Amino acid sequence: MFILTKIADLVQIHPEDFNKEASQAIEDNINAKYANKVIQKIGLCICLYDLLSASEGLIGHGTGLVNVNVEFRLVVFRPFKHEVMLGRISSATEEGIRVRTQFFDQIFIPTSNLPEGSKFLPSEQLFYWELEDGSKLYYDNQETVRFRIEEEVWTDQSPMGPKERDDAAGTIKSSPYVVKGSMADAGLGPCLWWDGEGEEAEE
């Protein structure tokens, strides 16, 4: 679920941070820049893991900023394919179910990845699984669920020019990183179905 990624970057320390230890100022700068940000094809950055190296600081001409070349490792959220995770159902539409974890809410379970016999109930905005004997098991909102990772979807968030912005006007900007999962197999879906009582996922 979590990996370490090595990155080299230029850190700029502002004069108001000069009263901090150099390493602390650098770490604060890195966390402010990367924490809770998605790097394309790498994943969602959680926090700084460690600082590997830092150059001597050079003061920028006319700015007072100290420029430092650094190399560091970040803790990154990027689950591997077929990994089984826990989360909570946050909402559902006819297209599928949205699931969240404590720090990531761009997890989507398409309708095609639900067990055969699953149907959407528009009045309640939730899915249920109809068994052969006619009984129904519900995918209730806020229910703790177990799901398997199937696919990653990356969307380029590069700045757009005026023409591109006009073409995209009125459309919803996509999330830069979406994880698609499945709850189609035995043992997947609401933990209550299989375990007798729900496993607690992190809020």
C-alpha atoms as a PDB file:
ATOM      1  CA  MET A   1       0.000   0.000   0.000  1.00  0.00           C
ATOM      2  CA  PHE A   2       2.841   2.378   0.858  1.00  0.00           C
ATOM      3  CA  ILE A   3       6.151   2.778  -0.950  1.00  0.00           C
ATOM      4  CA  LEU A   4       9.266   4.933  -0.545  1.00  0.00           C
ATOM      5  CA  THR A   5      10.162   7.178  -3.476  1.00  0.00           C
ATOM      6  CA  LYS A   6      13.443   9.041  -3.846  1.00  0.00           C
ATOM      7  CA  ILE A   7      13.190  12.600  -5.214  1.00  0.00           C
ATOM      8  CA  ALA A   8      15.709  15.348  -5.955  1.00  0.00           C
ATOM      9  CA  ASP A   9      14.463  18.932  -5.866  1.00  0.00           C
ATOM     10  CA  LEU A  10      15.386  22.556  -5.204  1.00  0.00           C
ATOM     11  CA  VAL A  11      14.104  23.856  -1.876  1.00  0.00           C
ATOM     12  CA  GLN A  12      13.735  27.579  -1.228  1.00  0.00           C
ATOM     13  CA  ILE A  13      13.891  28.671   2.398  1.00  0.00           C
ATOM     14  CA  HIS A  14      12.184  31.953   3.222  1.00  0.00           C
ATOM     15  CA  PRO A  15      13.814  34.502   5.565  1.00  0.00           C
ATOM     16  CA  GLU A  16      11.103  33.958   8.200  1.00  0.00           C
ATOM     17  CA  ASP A  17      12.368  30.364   8.566  1.00  0.00           C
ATOM     18  CA  PHE A  18      15.974  31.348   9.266  1.00  0.00           C
ATOM     19  CA  ASN A  19      15.386  30.978  13.012  1.00  0.00           C
ATOM     20  CA  LYS A  20      14.814  27.222  12.541  1.00  0.00           C
ATOM     21  CA  GLU A  21      17.473  24.549  12.353  1.00  0.00           C
ATOM     22  CA  ALA A  22      18.500  24.152   8.708  1.00  0.00           C
ATOM     23  CA  SER A  23      17.321  20.533   8.529  1.00  0.00           C
ATOM     24  CA  GLN A  24      13.969  21.428  10.130  1.00  0.00           C
ATOM     25  CA  ALA A  25      13.404  24.301   7.702  1.00  0.00           C
ATOM     26  CA  ILE A  26      14.151  21.991   4.768  1.00  0.00           C
ATOM     27  CA  GLU A  27      11.841  19.249   6.078  1.00  0.00           C
ATOM     28  CA  ASP A  28       9.001  21.735   6.676  1.00  0.00           C
ATOM     29  CA  ASN A  29       9.417  23.068   3.155  1.00  0.00           C
ATOM     30  CA  ILE A  30       9.336  19.578   1.612  1.00  0.00           C
ATOM     31  CA  ASN A  31       6.231  18.557   3.579  1.00  0.00           C
ATOM     32  CA  ALA A  32       4.440  21.781   2.657  1.00  0.00           C
ATOM     33  CA  LYS A  33       5.227  21.220  -1.031  1.00  0.00           C
ATOM     34  CA  TYR A  34       4.513  17.497  -1.341  1.00  0.00           C
ATOM     35  CA  ALA A  35       2.193  16.300   1.438  1.00  0.00           C
ATOM     36  CA  ASN A  36      -1.270  15.347   0.126  1.00  0.00           C
ATOM     37  CA  LYS A  37      -0.179  15.961  -3.472  1.00  0.00           C
ATOM     38  CA  VAL A  38      -0.324  13.457  -6.337  1.00  0.00           C
ATOM     39  CA  ILE A  39       2.772  12.907  -8.472  1.00  0.00           C
ATOM     40  CA  GLN A  40       1.875  11.384 -11.831  1.00  0.00           C
ATOM     41  CA  LYS A  41       2.702   7.656 -12.102  1.00  0.00           C
ATOM     42  CA  ILE A  42       4.114   7.675  -8.550  1.00  0.00           C
ATOM     43  CA  GLY A  43       1.140   8.116  -6.216  1.00  0.00           C
ATOM     44  CA  LEU A  44      -0.269  10.235  -3.389  1.00  0.00           C
ATOM     45  CA  CYS A  45       2.508  11.731  -1.258  1.00  0.00           C
ATOM     46  CA  ILE A  46       1.888  11.312   2.473  1.00  0.00           C
ATOM     47  CA  CYS A  47       4.930  12.841   4.178  1.00  0.00           C
ATOM     48  CA  LEU A  48       8.720  13.078   4.217  1.00  0.00           C
ATOM     49  CA  TYR A  49      10.443   9.855   5.317  1.00  0.00           C
ATOM     50  CA  ASP A  50      14.047  11.039   5.500  1.00  0.00           C
ATOM     51  CA  LEU A  51      16.470  13.604   4.105  1.00  0.00           C
ATOM     52  CA  LEU A  52      19.331  11.953   2.205  1.00  0.00           C
ATOM     53  CA  SER A  53      21.477  14.945   1.272  1.00  0.00           C
ATOM     54  CA  ALA A  54      21.437  18.753   1.053  1.00  0.00           C
ATOM     55  CA  SER A  55      23.804  21.194  -0.649  1.00  0.00           C
ATOM     56  CA  GLU A  56      25.161  24.434   0.777  1.00  0.00           C
ATOM     57  CA  GLY A  57      22.508  27.144   0.690  1.00  0.00           C
ATOM     58  CA  LEU A  58      22.886  29.908  -1.896  1.00  0.00           C
ATOM     59  CA  ILE A  59      21.075  33.217  -1.380  1.00  0.00           C
ATOM     60  CA  GLY A  60      19.100  34.264  -4.416  1.00  0.00           C
ATOM     61  CA  HIS A  61      19.955  37.705  -5.821  1.00  0.00           C
ATOM     62  CA  GLY A  62      17.351  40.264  -4.788  1.00  0.00           C
ATOM     63  CA  THR A  63      14.981  37.756  -3.140  1.00  0.00           C
ATOM     64  CA  GLY A  64      16.630  36.789   0.149  1.00  0.00           C
ATOM     65  CA  LEU A  65      15.549  33.179  -0.424  1.00  0.00           C
ATOM     66  CA  VAL A  66      18.098  30.476   0.320  1.00  0.00           C
ATOM     67  CA  ASN A  67      18.234  27.851  -2.460  1.00  0.00           C
ATOM     68  CA  VAL A  68      19.224  24.333  -1.415  1.00  0.00           C
ATOM     69  CA  ASN A  69      19.475  21.259  -3.657  1.00  0.00           C
ATOM     70  CA  VAL A  70      18.150  18.293  -1.711  1.00  0.00           C
ATOM     71  CA  GLU A  71      17.608  14.576  -2.154  1.00  0.00           C
ATOM     72  CA  PHE A  72      15.022  12.873   0.028  1.00  0.00           C
ATOM     73  CA  ARG A  73      12.552   9.998   0.309  1.00  0.00           C
ATOM     74  CA  LEU A  74       8.781  10.335   0.574  1.00  0.00           C
ATOM     75  CA  VAL A  75       6.168   7.950   1.927  1.00  0.00           C
ATOM     76  CA  VAL A  76       3.758   7.454  -0.983  1.00  0.00           C
ATOM     77  CA  PHE A  77       0.358   5.757  -1.127  1.00  0.00           C
ATOM     78  CA  ARG A  78       0.192   3.502  -4.163  1.00  0.00           C
ATOM     79  CA  PRO A  79      -1.498   0.122  -3.671  1.00  0.00           C
ATOM     80  CA  PHE A  80      -0.381  -2.709  -5.908  1.00  0.00           C
ATOM     81  CA  LYS A  81      -2.714  -4.553  -8.277  1.00  0.00           C
ATOM     82  CA  HIS A  82      -4.828  -7.259  -6.579  1.00  0.00           C
ATOM     83  CA  GLU A  83      -3.997  -5.927  -3.104  1.00  0.00           C
ATOM     84  CA  VAL A  84      -6.961  -6.312  -0.723  1.00  0.00           C
ATOM     85  CA  MET A  85      -7.793  -3.242   1.370  1.00  0.00           C
ATOM     86  CA  LEU A  86     -10.396  -2.016   3.848  1.00  0.00           C
ATOM     87  CA  GLY A  87     -12.406   1.175   3.448  1.00  0.00           C
ATOM     88  CA  ARG A  88     -15.829   2.690   4.040  1.00  0.00           C
ATOM     89  CA  ILE A  89     -18.589   3.285   1.496  1.00  0.00           C
ATOM     90  CA  SER A  90     -19.078   7.025   1.079  1.00  0.00           C
ATOM     91  CA  SER A  91     -21.719   7.124  -1.684  1.00  0.00           C
ATOM     92  CA  ALA A  92     -23.188   5.236  -4.636  1.00  0.00           C
ATOM     93  CA  THR A  93     -24.616   5.986  -8.069  1.00  0.00           C
ATOM     94  CA  GLU A  94     -25.822   3.765 -10.907  1.00  0.00           C
ATOM     95  CA  GLU A  95     -22.217   3.707 -12.167  1.00  0.00           C
ATOM     96  CA  GLY A  96     -20.825   2.180  -8.974  1.00  0.00           C
ATOM     97  CA  ILE A  97     -19.754   2.675  -5.365  1.00  0.00           C
ATOM     98  CA  ARG A  98     -17.278   5.239  -4.028  1.00  0.00           C
ATOM     99  CA  VAL A  99     -15.094   4.092  -1.142  1.00  0.00           C
ATOM    100  CA  ARG A 100     -12.758   6.080   1.104  1.00  0.00           C
ATOM    101  CA  THR A 101      -9.955   5.427   3.544  1.00  0.00           C
ATOM    102  CA  GLN A 102      -8.704   7.746   6.284  1.00  0.00           C
ATOM    103  CA  PHE A 103      -6.609   9.791   3.843  1.00  0.00           C
ATOM    104  CA  PHE A 104      -7.789   8.865   0.324  1.00  0.00           C
ATOM    105  CA  ASP A 105     -11.304   9.099  -1.098  1.00  0.00           C
ATOM    106  CA  GLN A 106     -10.769   8.498  -4.819  1.00  0.00           C
ATOM    107  CA  ILE A 107     -11.562   4.771  -4.775  1.00  0.00           C
ATOM    108  CA  PHE A 108     -14.292   3.585  -7.131  1.00  0.00           C
ATOM    109  CA  ILE A 109     -15.948   0.191  -7.513  1.00  0.00           C
ATOM    110  CA  PRO A 110     -17.719   0.060 -10.918  1.00  0.00           C
ATOM    111  CA  THR A 111     -21.067  -1.729 -11.139  1.00  0.00           C
ATOM    112  CA  SER A 112     -19.420  -4.369 -13.347  1.00  0.00           C
ATOM    113  CA  ASN A 113     -17.079  -5.222 -10.454  1.00  0.00           C
ATOM    114  CA  LEU A 114     -19.896  -6.083  -8.030  1.00  0.00           C
ATOM    115  CA  PRO A 115     -21.234  -9.643  -7.555  1.00  0.00           C
ATOM    116  CA  GLU A 116     -23.679 -10.966 -10.142  1.00  0.00           C
ATOM    117  CA  GLY A 117     -27.160 -10.103  -8.946  1.00  0.00           C
ATOM    118  CA  SER A 118     -26.192  -6.684  -7.526  1.00  0.00           C
ATOM    119  CA  LYS A 119     -28.771  -3.979  -8.243  1.00  0.00           C
ATOM    120  CA  PHE A 120     -29.022  -0.248  -7.618  1.00  0.00           C
ATOM    121  CA  LEU A 121     -31.847   1.130  -5.488  1.00  0.00           C
ATOM    122  CA  PRO A 122     -32.430   4.726  -6.723  1.00  0.00           C
ATOM    123  CA  SER A 123     -34.715   5.721  -3.854  1.00  0.00           C
ATOM    124  CA  GLU A 124     -32.005   4.909  -1.288  1.00  0.00           C
ATOM    125  CA  GLN A 125     -28.978   5.634  -3.512  1.00  0.00           C
ATOM    126  CA  LEU A 126     -27.341   2.323  -2.642  1.00  0.00           C
ATOM    127  CA  PHE A 127     -26.724  -1.152  -4.048  1.00  0.00           C
ATOM    128  CA  TYR A 128     -27.957  -4.488  -2.807  1.00  0.00           C
ATOM    129  CA  TRP A 129     -26.999  -8.047  -3.682  1.00  0.00           C
ATOM    130  CA  GLU A 130     -29.973 -10.317  -4.343  1.00  0.00           C
ATOM    131  CA  LEU A 131     -29.233 -13.949  -3.506  1.00  0.00           C
ATOM    132  CA  GLU A 132     -30.741 -16.972  -5.235  1.00  0.00           C
ATOM    133  CA  ASP A 133     -33.234 -17.467  -2.401  1.00  0.00           C
ATOM    134  CA  GLY A 134     -34.520 -13.906  -2.884  1.00  0.00           C
ATOM    135  CA  SER A 135     -32.912 -12.420   0.239  1.00  0.00           C
ATOM    136  CA  LYS A 136     -31.056  -9.118  -0.109  1.00  0.00           C
ATOM    137  CA  LEU A 137     -27.733  -7.948   1.309  1.00  0.00           C
ATOM    138  CA  TYR A 138     -27.199  -4.170   1.284  1.00  0.00           C
ATOM    139  CA  TYR A 139     -24.125  -2.042   0.624  1.00  0.00           C
ATOM    140  CA  ASP A 140     -25.008   0.605   3.214  1.00  0.00           C
ATOM    141  CA  ASN A 141     -23.270   3.975   3.312  1.00  0.00           C
ATOM    142  CA  GLN A 142     -20.483   4.162   5.928  1.00  0.00           C
ATOM    143  CA  GLU A 143     -20.299   0.352   5.945  1.00  0.00           C
ATOM    144  CA  THR A 144     -16.789  -1.109   6.303  1.00  0.00           C
ATOM    145  CA  VAL A 145     -15.951  -3.031   3.133  1.00  0.00           C
ATOM    146  CA  ARG A 146     -13.138  -5.203   1.835  1.00  0.00           C
ATOM    147  CA  PHE A 147     -12.158  -4.665  -1.803  1.00  0.00           C
ATOM    148  CA  ARG A 148      -9.440  -5.684  -4.244  1.00  0.00           C
ATOM    149  CA  ILE A 149      -7.396  -3.207  -6.296  1.00  0.00           C
ATOM    150  CA  GLU A 150      -7.887  -3.696 -10.036  1.00  0.00           C
ATOM    151  CA  GLU A 151      -6.737  -0.577 -11.863  1.00  0.00           C
ATOM    152  CA  GLU A 152      -5.165   2.879 -11.533  1.00  0.00           C
ATOM    153  CA  VAL A 153      -6.422   5.865 -13.531  1.00  0.00           C
ATOM    154  CA  TRP A 154      -4.092   8.857 -13.938  1.00  0.00           C
ATOM    155  CA  THR A 155      -5.303  12.231 -15.247  1.00  0.00           C
ATOM    156  CA  ASP A 156      -2.830  14.879 -16.326  1.00  0.00           C
ATOM    157  CA  GLN A 157      -3.340  18.071 -14.312  1.00  0.00           C
ATOM    158  CA  SER A 158      -0.990  20.260 -16.358  1.00  0.00           C
ATOM    159  CA  PRO A 159      -1.967  23.943 -16.631  1.00  0.00           C
ATOM    160  CA  MET A 160      -4.174  24.687 -19.629  1.00  0.00           C
ATOM    161  CA  GLY A 161      -3.894  27.539 -22.084  1.00  0.00           C
ATOM    162  CA  PRO A 162      -6.798  29.959 -22.740  1.00  0.00           C
ATOM    163  CA  LYS A 163      -8.189  27.899 -25.652  1.00  0.00           C
ATOM    164  CA  GLU A 164      -8.027  24.644 -23.662  1.00  0.00           C
ATOM    165  CA  ARG A 165      -9.755  26.342 -20.726  1.00  0.00           C
ATOM    166  CA  ASP A 166     -12.555  27.537 -23.018  1.00  0.00           C
ATOM    167  CA  ASP A 167     -12.975  24.014 -24.447  1.00  0.00           C
ATOM    168  CA  ALA A 168     -13.099  22.557 -20.931  1.00  0.00           C
ATOM    169  CA  ALA A 169     -15.505  25.185 -19.576  1.00  0.00           C
ATOM    170  CA  GLY A 170     -18.442  23.612 -17.795  1.00  0.00           C
ATOM    171  CA  THR A 171     -16.735  20.252 -17.309  1.00  0.00           C
ATOM    172  CA  ILE A 172     -15.738  18.891 -13.919  1.00  0.00           C
ATOM    173  CA  LYS A 173     -12.012  18.614 -13.397  1.00  0.00           C
ATOM    174  CA  SER A 174     -11.062  14.971 -12.897  1.00  0.00           C
ATOM    175  CA  SER A 175      -9.075  13.752  -9.941  1.00  0.00           C
ATOM    176  CA  PRO A 176      -5.381  13.254 -10.815  1.00  0.00           C
ATOM    177  CA  TYR A 177      -5.359   9.739  -9.318  1.00  0.00           C
ATOM    178  CA  VAL A 178      -8.253   7.285  -9.042  1.00  0.00           C
ATOM    179  CA  VAL A 179      -8.062   3.680  -7.880  1.00  0.00           C
ATOM    180  CA  LYS A 180     -10.630   1.226  -9.255  1.00  0.00           C
ATOM    181  CA  GLY A 181     -11.460  -1.896  -7.289  1.00  0.00           C
ATOM    182  CA  SER A 182     -13.640  -4.979  -7.211  1.00  0.00           C
ATOM    183  CA  MET A 183     -15.982  -6.547  -4.669  1.00  0.00           C
ATOM    184  CA  ALA A 184     -17.138  -9.376  -6.939  1.00  0.00           C
ATOM    185  CA  ASP A 185     -15.505 -12.368  -5.211  1.00  0.00           C
ATOM    186  CA  ALA A 186     -16.257 -14.279  -2.006  1.00  0.00           C
ATOM    187  CA  GLY A 187     -14.872 -12.505   1.059  1.00  0.00           C
ATOM    188  CA  LEU A 188     -15.104  -9.064  -0.587  1.00  0.00           C
ATOM    189  CA  GLY A 189     -17.770  -6.456   0.117  1.00  0.00           C
ATOM    190  CA  PRO A 190     -19.193  -5.463   3.512  1.00  0.00           C
ATOM    191  CA  CYS A 191     -17.192  -7.195   6.272  1.00  0.00           C
ATOM    192  CA  LEU A 192     -20.436  -7.794   8.161  1.00  0.00           C
ATOM    193  CA  TRP A 193     -21.502 -10.320   5.506  1.00  0.00           C
ATOM    194  CA  TRP A 194     -18.490 -12.542   5.935  1.00  0.00           C
ATOM    195  CA  ASP A 195     -17.138 -11.916   9.436  1.00  0.00           C
ATOM    196  CA  GLY A 196     -20.362 -11.701  11.422  1.00  0.00           C
ATOM    197  CA  GLU A 197     -19.356  -8.259  12.678  1.00  0.00           C
ATOM    198  CA  GLY A 198     -17.635  -5.425  10.773  1.00  0.00           C
ATOM    199  CA  GLU A 199     -13.910  -4.879  10.967  1.00  0.00           C
ATOM    200  CA  GLU A 200     -13.153  -1.327  11.883  1.00  0.00           C
ATOM    201  CA  ALA A 201     -11.546   0.691   9.102  1.00  0.00           C
ATOM    202  CA  GLU A 202      -9.876   3.972   9.913  1.00  0.00           C
ATOM    203  CA  GLU A 203     -12.224   6.922   9.775  1.00  0.00           C
END
